[in-house]
Amino acid sequence: MAQLSALSGVSVASLIVLLGGCTAQPTARAPADATDLEAQSAREPGLSGSSGTSLVREAPRRVGDRLVHRYSGTYRSEPLVIAEEVVAQEGDVLVVDFTVLEGDAPQKLRVRMSVRSERVIAVSKIQADVERPASSLDYERLLEKTAFSTDQNRGLVSRRPRTCLIGPSEFDCVESQFDVKVAGQEGTLLVSRHPGLARDIAGEVTAVDGTVLYKADLIEFERGALSADTDAPVAFGETPAWAEK
């Protein structure tokens, strides 16, 4: 079974995550060459990121990054919107805020993760502008909201250039099509990737009758500016004592 999701990161993963982040201690991994990546992409489609493995990002997160993803399809009763913003860097730790637009009131999580591996270090909830300790399970539950499982991926069928939209802006993308099985029936997975942005920006699982089972779209994207000294951290404030435990 291949589990699909969509929350930012690297592609070529059986777990599609456009939010990204790691929840388990990463293991060492040698960088894959272009041939290995191409071969793997034909076997395992991915939007972005992975939960529980070390990440080798083509475009690492940096302060000022802001992404908004929308999830829809029959896998949910109503669309879900999640905004992700890298608000600070505290030494070797990134501070990433996730705002979930679901139900009557927005929910906000602040996740501290390693700059290098994006392993989750601490999670807190933001309530009335007050940061309160939370659990990594809260972040896992957020990832689960974006997840969708297929029974089988039968491999790459085609790859073609196309025009993608992020808000009102048009981008040149490459769309990859994969044959999948969902609930015992034939289906199609489409993944649209922007090589220049070094990220996947859309994914869709469709049943044989045309029903959209799962759809993830990047609807807003803003890249943070590089600092003059890339080694100098951008201060956000002191890390709470509970986050250092």
C-alpha atoms as a PDB file:
ATOM      1  CA  MET A   1       0.000   0.000   0.000  1.00  0.00           C
ATOM      2  CA  ALA A   2       1.344   3.429  -0.934  1.00  0.00           C
ATOM      3  CA  GLN A   3       0.286   6.301   1.293  1.00  0.00           C
ATOM      4  CA  LEU A   4      -0.032   9.665  -0.375  1.00  0.00           C
ATOM      5  CA  SER A   5       0.065  13.028   1.319  1.00  0.00           C
ATOM      6  CA  ALA A   6       1.249  16.480   0.430  1.00  0.00           C
ATOM      7  CA  LEU A   7       3.104  18.929   2.626  1.00  0.00           C
ATOM      8  CA  SER A   8       6.612  20.315   1.134  1.00  0.00           C
ATOM      9  CA  GLY A   9       9.970  18.580   0.603  1.00  0.00           C
ATOM     10  CA  VAL A  10      11.785  16.323  -1.839  1.00  0.00           C
ATOM     11  CA  SER A  11      10.061  14.143  -4.384  1.00  0.00           C
ATOM     12  CA  VAL A  12      10.693  10.492  -5.231  1.00  0.00           C
ATOM     13  CA  ALA A  13       9.099   9.038  -2.109  1.00  0.00           C
ATOM     14  CA  SER A  14       6.388   6.480  -1.461  1.00  0.00           C
ATOM     15  CA  LEU A  15       5.034   8.866   1.179  1.00  0.00           C
ATOM     16  CA  ILE A  16       3.895  12.103  -0.440  1.00  0.00           C
ATOM     17  CA  VAL A  17       4.162  15.017   1.959  1.00  0.00           C
ATOM     18  CA  LEU A  18       3.863  18.665   0.902  1.00  0.00           C
ATOM     19  CA  LEU A  19       4.157  19.760   4.511  1.00  0.00           C
ATOM     20  CA  GLY A  20       7.284  17.780   5.150  1.00  0.00           C
ATOM     21  CA  GLY A  21       9.153  17.194   8.358  1.00  0.00           C
ATOM     22  CA  CYS A  22      10.538  14.126  10.103  1.00  0.00           C
ATOM     23  CA  THR A  23       9.156  12.392  13.149  1.00  0.00           C
ATOM     24  CA  ALA A  24      11.731   9.662  13.642  1.00  0.00           C
ATOM     25  CA  GLN A  25      15.474   9.765  14.099  1.00  0.00           C
ATOM     26  CA  PRO A  26      16.935   9.951  10.561  1.00  0.00           C
ATOM     27  CA  THR A  27      19.364   7.351   9.306  1.00  0.00           C
ATOM     28  CA  ALA A  28      22.496   8.042   7.285  1.00  0.00           C
ATOM     29  CA  ARG A  29      22.011   7.800   3.535  1.00  0.00           C
ATOM     30  CA  ALA A  30      24.384   8.265   0.649  1.00  0.00           C
ATOM     31  CA  PRO A  31      23.250  10.832  -1.935  1.00  0.00           C
ATOM     32  CA  ALA A  32      21.553   9.214  -4.915  1.00  0.00           C
ATOM     33  CA  ASP A  33      22.757  10.049  -8.394  1.00  0.00           C
ATOM     34  CA  ALA A  34      20.454  11.195 -11.198  1.00  0.00           C
ATOM     35  CA  THR A  35      20.126   7.681 -12.656  1.00  0.00           C
ATOM     36  CA  ASP A  36      19.037   6.227  -9.310  1.00  0.00           C
ATOM     37  CA  LEU A  37      16.495   9.014  -8.785  1.00  0.00           C
ATOM     38  CA  GLU A  38      15.013   8.559 -12.248  1.00  0.00           C
ATOM     39  CA  ALA A  39      14.694   4.805 -11.738  1.00  0.00           C
ATOM     40  CA  GLN A  40      13.075   5.253  -8.344  1.00  0.00           C
ATOM     41  CA  SER A  41      10.640   7.890  -9.602  1.00  0.00           C
ATOM     42  CA  ALA A  42       9.237   5.356 -12.051  1.00  0.00           C
ATOM     43  CA  ARG A  43       8.497   3.025  -9.132  1.00  0.00           C
ATOM     44  CA  GLU A  44       7.430   5.366  -6.341  1.00  0.00           C
ATOM     45  CA  PRO A  45       5.605   8.609  -7.118  1.00  0.00           C
ATOM     46  CA  GLY A  46       5.872  11.405  -4.575  1.00  0.00           C
ATOM     47  CA  LEU A  47       4.796  14.964  -4.156  1.00  0.00           C
ATOM     48  CA  SER A  48       7.203  16.130  -1.506  1.00  0.00           C
ATOM     49  CA  GLY A  49       8.938  15.011   1.618  1.00  0.00           C
ATOM     50  CA  SER A  50       8.950  11.992   3.841  1.00  0.00           C
ATOM     51  CA  SER A  51       8.040  11.175   7.411  1.00  0.00           C
ATOM     52  CA  GLY A  52      10.648   9.310   9.388  1.00  0.00           C
ATOM     53  CA  THR A  53      13.637   9.496   7.021  1.00  0.00           C
ATOM     54  CA  SER A  54      16.422  11.995   6.495  1.00  0.00           C
ATOM     55  CA  LEU A  55      15.755  14.521   3.757  1.00  0.00           C
ATOM     56  CA  VAL A  56      18.017  15.639   0.926  1.00  0.00           C
ATOM     57  CA  ARG A  57      16.277  18.781  -0.221  1.00  0.00           C
ATOM     58  CA  GLU A  58      16.924  20.399  -3.565  1.00  0.00           C
ATOM     59  CA  ALA A  59      15.550  23.635  -2.099  1.00  0.00           C
ATOM     60  CA  PRO A  60      16.005  23.600   1.710  1.00  0.00           C
ATOM     61  CA  ARG A  61      13.601  25.614   3.816  1.00  0.00           C
ATOM     62  CA  ARG A  62      14.703  29.106   4.797  1.00  0.00           C
ATOM     63  CA  VAL A  63      13.234  31.934   6.855  1.00  0.00           C
ATOM     64  CA  GLY A  64      10.497  33.733   4.949  1.00  0.00           C
ATOM     65  CA  ASP A  65       9.264  30.698   3.007  1.00  0.00           C
ATOM     66  CA  ARG A  66       5.468  30.632   2.857  1.00  0.00           C
ATOM     67  CA  LEU A  67       3.344  27.953   1.223  1.00  0.00           C
ATOM     68  CA  VAL A  68      -0.390  27.350   1.213  1.00  0.00           C
ATOM     69  CA  HIS A  69      -1.753  23.957   0.202  1.00  0.00           C
ATOM     70  CA  ARG A  70      -5.346  22.927  -0.451  1.00  0.00           C
ATOM     71  CA  TYR A  71      -6.552  19.335  -0.157  1.00  0.00           C
ATOM     72  CA  SER A  72      -9.812  18.096  -1.622  1.00  0.00           C
ATOM     73  CA  GLY A  73     -11.486  15.076  -3.194  1.00  0.00           C
ATOM     74  CA  THR A  74     -13.852  12.404  -1.998  1.00  0.00           C
ATOM     75  CA  TYR A  75     -11.392  11.327   0.702  1.00  0.00           C
ATOM     76  CA  ARG A  76     -12.589  14.361   2.723  1.00  0.00           C
ATOM     77  CA  SER A  77     -16.027  15.701   3.465  1.00  0.00           C
ATOM     78  CA  GLU A  78     -14.807  19.261   2.804  1.00  0.00           C
ATOM     79  CA  PRO A  79     -11.622  20.906   1.450  1.00  0.00           C
ATOM     80  CA  LEU A  80      -8.728  21.525   3.825  1.00  0.00           C
ATOM     81  CA  VAL A  81      -6.295  24.461   3.598  1.00  0.00           C
ATOM     82  CA  ILE A  82      -2.938  24.466   5.408  1.00  0.00           C
ATOM     83  CA  ALA A  83      -0.551  27.421   5.427  1.00  0.00           C
ATOM     84  CA  GLU A  84       3.114  26.790   6.214  1.00  0.00           C
ATOM     85  CA  GLU A  85       5.571  29.581   7.082  1.00  0.00           C
ATOM     86  CA  VAL A  86       9.199  29.439   8.189  1.00  0.00           C
ATOM     87  CA  VAL A  87       9.193  32.223  10.763  1.00  0.00           C
ATOM     88  CA  ALA A  88      12.688  31.941  12.240  1.00  0.00           C
ATOM     89  CA  GLN A  89      15.934  30.080  12.638  1.00  0.00           C
ATOM     90  CA  GLU A  90      17.308  29.481  16.128  1.00  0.00           C
ATOM     91  CA  GLY A  91      20.856  28.269  15.606  1.00  0.00           C
ATOM     92  CA  ASP A  92      20.523  24.880  13.894  1.00  0.00           C
ATOM     93  CA  VAL A  93      16.759  24.787  14.403  1.00  0.00           C
ATOM     94  CA  LEU A  94      14.049  26.058  12.056  1.00  0.00           C
ATOM     95  CA  VAL A  95      10.781  27.392  13.470  1.00  0.00           C
ATOM     96  CA  VAL A  96       7.868  26.556  11.164  1.00  0.00           C
ATOM     97  CA  ASP A  97       4.264  27.651  11.769  1.00  0.00           C
ATOM     98  CA  PHE A  98       1.392  25.615  10.331  1.00  0.00           C
ATOM     99  CA  THR A  99      -2.073  27.196  10.234  1.00  0.00           C
ATOM    100  CA  VAL A 100      -4.937  24.785   9.589  1.00  0.00           C
ATOM    101  CA  LEU A 101      -8.138  26.253   8.147  1.00  0.00           C
ATOM    102  CA  GLU A 102     -10.726  23.682   9.137  1.00  0.00           C
ATOM    103  CA  GLY A 103     -13.947  24.080  11.035  1.00  0.00           C
ATOM    104  CA  ASP A 104     -14.963  27.286  12.787  1.00  0.00           C
ATOM    105  CA  ALA A 105     -11.572  28.529  14.006  1.00  0.00           C
ATOM    106  CA  PRO A 106      -8.038  28.218  12.560  1.00  0.00           C
ATOM    107  CA  GLN A 107      -5.663  25.908  14.416  1.00  0.00           C
ATOM    108  CA  LYS A 108      -1.978  26.759  14.666  1.00  0.00           C
ATOM    109  CA  LEU A 109       1.008  24.529  15.356  1.00  0.00           C
ATOM    110  CA  ARG A 110       4.607  25.675  15.751  1.00  0.00           C
ATOM    111  CA  VAL A 111       7.138  23.000  14.839  1.00  0.00           C
ATOM    112  CA  ARG A 112      10.848  23.222  15.604  1.00  0.00           C
ATOM    113  CA  MET A 113      12.915  21.022  13.316  1.00  0.00           C
ATOM    114  CA  SER A 114      16.567  20.408  12.514  1.00  0.00           C
ATOM    115  CA  VAL A 115      17.895  22.587   9.694  1.00  0.00           C
ATOM    116  CA  ARG A 116      19.864  19.700   8.202  1.00  0.00           C
ATOM    117  CA  SER A 117      17.551  16.705   8.549  1.00  0.00           C
ATOM    118  CA  GLU A 118      14.197  18.382   9.309  1.00  0.00           C
ATOM    119  CA  ARG A 119      13.762  15.952  12.190  1.00  0.00           C
ATOM    120  CA  VAL A 120      11.050  17.295  14.473  1.00  0.00           C
ATOM    121  CA  ILE A 121      12.533  18.509  17.768  1.00  0.00           C
ATOM    122  CA  ALA A 122       9.536  20.111  19.479  1.00  0.00           C
ATOM    123  CA  VAL A 123       5.898  20.921  18.774  1.00  0.00           C
ATOM    124  CA  SER A 124       3.768  23.605  20.382  1.00  0.00           C
ATOM    125  CA  LYS A 125       0.288  25.020  19.937  1.00  0.00           C
ATOM    126  CA  ILE A 126      -0.356  28.724  19.450  1.00  0.00           C
ATOM    127  CA  GLN A 127      -3.514  29.800  21.261  1.00  0.00           C
ATOM    128  CA  ALA A 128      -4.393  33.484  21.655  1.00  0.00           C
ATOM    129  CA  ASP A 129      -0.813  34.338  20.633  1.00  0.00           C
ATOM    130  CA  VAL A 130       0.539  32.208  23.494  1.00  0.00           C
ATOM    131  CA  GLU A 131       2.875  29.307  22.778  1.00  0.00           C
ATOM    132  CA  ARG A 132       1.980  26.197  24.757  1.00  0.00           C
ATOM    133  CA  PRO A 133       3.728  22.796  24.754  1.00  0.00           C
ATOM    134  CA  ALA A 134       2.209  20.075  22.598  1.00  0.00           C
ATOM    135  CA  SER A 135       3.171  16.600  21.369  1.00  0.00           C
ATOM    136  CA  SER A 136       4.690  15.279  18.171  1.00  0.00           C
ATOM    137  CA  LEU A 137       1.411  13.370  17.871  1.00  0.00           C
ATOM    138  CA  ASP A 138      -0.300  16.689  17.172  1.00  0.00           C
ATOM    139  CA  TYR A 139       1.976  17.148  14.164  1.00  0.00           C
ATOM    140  CA  GLU A 140       1.408  13.537  13.078  1.00  0.00           C
ATOM    141  CA  ARG A 141      -2.338  14.129  13.198  1.00  0.00           C
ATOM    142  CA  LEU A 142      -1.847  17.150  10.955  1.00  0.00           C
ATOM    143  CA  LEU A 143       0.027  14.998   8.434  1.00  0.00           C
ATOM    144  CA  GLU A 144      -2.730  12.385   8.599  1.00  0.00           C
ATOM    145  CA  LYS A 145      -5.284  14.982   7.512  1.00  0.00           C
ATOM    146  CA  THR A 146      -3.442  15.235   4.185  1.00  0.00           C
ATOM    147  CA  ALA A 147      -2.868  11.502   3.690  1.00  0.00           C
ATOM    148  CA  PHE A 148      -4.467   9.164   1.148  1.00  0.00           C
ATOM    149  CA  SER A 149      -3.608   5.515   0.533  1.00  0.00           C
ATOM    150  CA  THR A 150      -3.525   3.563  -2.712  1.00  0.00           C
ATOM    151  CA  ASP A 151      -3.414  -0.232  -2.876  1.00  0.00           C
ATOM    152  CA  GLN A 152      -0.714  -0.435  -5.507  1.00  0.00           C
ATOM    153  CA  ASN A 153       1.435   1.708  -7.782  1.00  0.00           C
ATOM    154  CA  ARG A 154       2.081   0.060 -11.136  1.00  0.00           C
ATOM    155  CA  GLY A 155       4.712   2.528 -12.266  1.00  0.00           C
ATOM    156  CA  LEU A 156       5.282   5.495 -14.541  1.00  0.00           C
ATOM    157  CA  VAL A 157       3.106   5.687 -17.660  1.00  0.00           C
ATOM    158  CA  SER A 158       4.064   9.038 -19.183  1.00  0.00           C
ATOM    159  CA  ARG A 159       5.790  12.336 -18.536  1.00  0.00           C
ATOM    160  CA  ARG A 160       5.007  15.567 -20.395  1.00  0.00           C
ATOM    161  CA  PRO A 161       5.515  19.340 -20.124  1.00  0.00           C
ATOM    162  CA  ARG A 162       2.538  21.439 -19.075  1.00  0.00           C
ATOM    163  CA  THR A 163       1.608  24.816 -17.593  1.00  0.00           C
ATOM    164  CA  CYS A 164       0.811  24.915 -13.872  1.00  0.00           C
ATOM    165  CA  LEU A 165      -0.860  27.635 -11.839  1.00  0.00           C
ATOM    166  CA  ILE A 166       0.131  28.789  -8.366  1.00  0.00           C
ATOM    167  CA  GLY A 167      -2.497  31.396  -7.642  1.00  0.00           C
ATOM    168  CA  PRO A 168      -2.623  33.677 -10.713  1.00  0.00           C
ATOM    169  CA  SER A 169       0.967  32.876 -11.785  1.00  0.00           C
ATOM    170  CA  GLU A 170       1.833  30.411 -14.539  1.00  0.00           C
ATOM    171  CA  PHE A 171       4.841  28.075 -14.346  1.00  0.00           C
ATOM    172  CA  ASP A 172       6.374  25.515 -16.684  1.00  0.00           C
ATOM    173  CA  CYS A 173       5.963  22.091 -15.073  1.00  0.00           C
ATOM    174  CA  VAL A 174       6.531  18.448 -15.848  1.00  0.00           C
ATOM    175  CA  GLU A 175       3.522  16.193 -15.281  1.00  0.00           C
ATOM    176  CA  SER A 176       4.135  12.518 -14.487  1.00  0.00           C
ATOM    177  CA  GLN A 177       1.338   9.962 -14.759  1.00  0.00           C
ATOM    178  CA  PHE A 178       1.309   6.699 -12.809  1.00  0.00           C
ATOM    179  CA  ASP A 179      -1.120   3.775 -12.919  1.00  0.00           C
ATOM    180  CA  VAL A 180      -2.415   2.884  -9.454  1.00  0.00           C
ATOM    181  CA  LYS A 181      -5.049   0.670  -7.857  1.00  0.00           C
ATOM    182  CA  VAL A 182      -7.447   2.137  -5.303  1.00  0.00           C
ATOM    183  CA  ALA A 183      -9.938  -0.025  -3.405  1.00  0.00           C
ATOM    184  CA  GLY A 184      -9.364  -2.801  -5.950  1.00  0.00           C
ATOM    185  CA  GLN A 185     -10.116  -0.556  -8.939  1.00  0.00           C
ATOM    186  CA  GLU A 186      -7.895   1.036 -11.576  1.00  0.00           C
ATOM    187  CA  GLY A 187      -6.861   4.630 -11.074  1.00  0.00           C
ATOM    188  CA  THR A 188      -4.427   7.338 -12.127  1.00  0.00           C
ATOM    189  CA  LEU A 189      -1.981   9.423 -10.116  1.00  0.00           C
ATOM    190  CA  LEU A 190      -0.799  12.713 -11.649  1.00  0.00           C
ATOM    191  CA  VAL A 191       2.128  14.612 -10.118  1.00  0.00           C
ATOM    192  CA  SER A 192       3.111  18.061 -11.440  1.00  0.00           C
ATOM    193  CA  ARG A 193       6.633  19.250 -10.678  1.00  0.00           C
ATOM    194  CA  HIS A 194       8.331  22.588 -11.260  1.00  0.00           C
ATOM    195  CA  PRO A 195      12.046  21.918 -11.896  1.00  0.00           C
ATOM    196  CA  GLY A 196      13.024  25.557 -11.317  1.00  0.00           C
ATOM    197  CA  LEU A 197      11.307  25.725  -7.933  1.00  0.00           C
ATOM    198  CA  ALA A 198      12.678  22.237  -7.195  1.00  0.00           C
ATOM    199  CA  ARG A 199       9.361  21.031  -5.798  1.00  0.00           C
ATOM    200  CA  ASP A 200       6.178  19.193  -6.678  1.00  0.00           C
ATOM    201  CA  ILE A 201       3.239  21.583  -6.703  1.00  0.00           C
ATOM    202  CA  ALA A 202       0.203  19.405  -7.444  1.00  0.00           C
ATOM    203  CA  GLY A 203      -0.980  15.837  -7.141  1.00  0.00           C
ATOM    204  CA  GLU A 204      -4.216  14.094  -7.998  1.00  0.00           C
ATOM    205  CA  VAL A 205      -5.596  10.557  -7.704  1.00  0.00           C
ATOM    206  CA  THR A 206      -8.510   9.833 -10.022  1.00  0.00           C
ATOM    207  CA  ALA A 207     -10.684   6.716 -10.254  1.00  0.00           C
ATOM    208  CA  VAL A 208     -11.321   5.011 -13.581  1.00  0.00           C
ATOM    209  CA  ASP A 209     -14.753   6.688 -13.793  1.00  0.00           C
ATOM    210  CA  GLY A 210     -13.174  10.153 -13.452  1.00  0.00           C
ATOM    211  CA  THR A 211     -13.999  10.697  -9.774  1.00  0.00           C
ATOM    212  CA  VAL A 212     -11.305  12.783  -8.068  1.00  0.00           C
ATOM    213  CA  LEU A 213     -10.445  10.798  -4.953  1.00  0.00           C
ATOM    214  CA  TYR A 214      -7.594  12.977  -3.729  1.00  0.00           C
ATOM    215  CA  LYS A 215      -6.207  16.319  -4.858  1.00  0.00           C
ATOM    216  CA  ALA A 216      -3.412  18.456  -3.411  1.00  0.00           C
ATOM    217  CA  ASP A 217      -2.605  21.894  -4.832  1.00  0.00           C
ATOM    218  CA  LEU A 218       0.008  24.482  -3.931  1.00  0.00           C
ATOM    219  CA  ILE A 219      -2.103  27.647  -4.191  1.00  0.00           C
ATOM    220  CA  GLU A 220       0.351  30.198  -2.748  1.00  0.00           C
ATOM    221  CA  PHE A 221       4.140  30.205  -2.712  1.00  0.00           C
ATOM    222  CA  GLU A 222       6.665  32.742  -1.526  1.00  0.00           C
ATOM    223  CA  ARG A 223      10.374  32.021  -1.192  1.00  0.00           C
ATOM    224  CA  GLY A 224      12.292  33.638   1.642  1.00  0.00           C
ATOM    225  CA  ALA A 225      15.264  35.827   0.752  1.00  0.00           C
ATOM    226  CA  LEU A 226      18.806  34.575   1.245  1.00  0.00           C
ATOM    227  CA  SER A 227      20.665  36.415   3.992  1.00  0.00           C
ATOM    228  CA  ALA A 228      23.974  38.130   3.224  1.00  0.00           C
ATOM    229  CA  ASP A 229      25.706  35.641   5.515  1.00  0.00           C
ATOM    230  CA  THR A 230      24.029  32.268   5.092  1.00  0.00           C
ATOM    231  CA  ASP A 231      25.757  30.962   8.217  1.00  0.00           C
ATOM    232  CA  ALA A 232      24.268  33.677  10.423  1.00  0.00           C
ATOM    233  CA  PRO A 233      21.039  32.512  12.118  1.00  0.00           C
ATOM    234  CA  VAL A 234      17.971  34.705  12.020  1.00  0.00           C
ATOM    235  CA  ALA A 235      16.979  35.126  15.657  1.00  0.00           C
ATOM    236  CA  PHE A 236      13.391  34.536  16.717  1.00  0.00           C
ATOM    237  CA  GLY A 237      13.858  34.558  20.462  1.00  0.00           C
ATOM    238  CA  GLU A 238      14.883  32.115  23.110  1.00  0.00           C
ATOM    239  CA  THR A 239      13.752  28.532  22.702  1.00  0.00           C
ATOM    240  CA  PRO A 240      11.270  27.687  25.481  1.00  0.00           C
ATOM    241  CA  ALA A 241      12.768  25.527  28.220  1.00  0.00           C
ATOM    242  CA  TRP A 242      10.261  22.736  27.559  1.00  0.00           C
ATOM    243  CA  ALA A 243      11.442  22.542  23.925  1.00  0.00           C
ATOM    244  CA  GLU A 244      15.018  21.856  24.986  1.00  0.00           C
ATOM    245  CA  LYS A 245      14.158  18.738  26.964  1.00  0.00           C
END
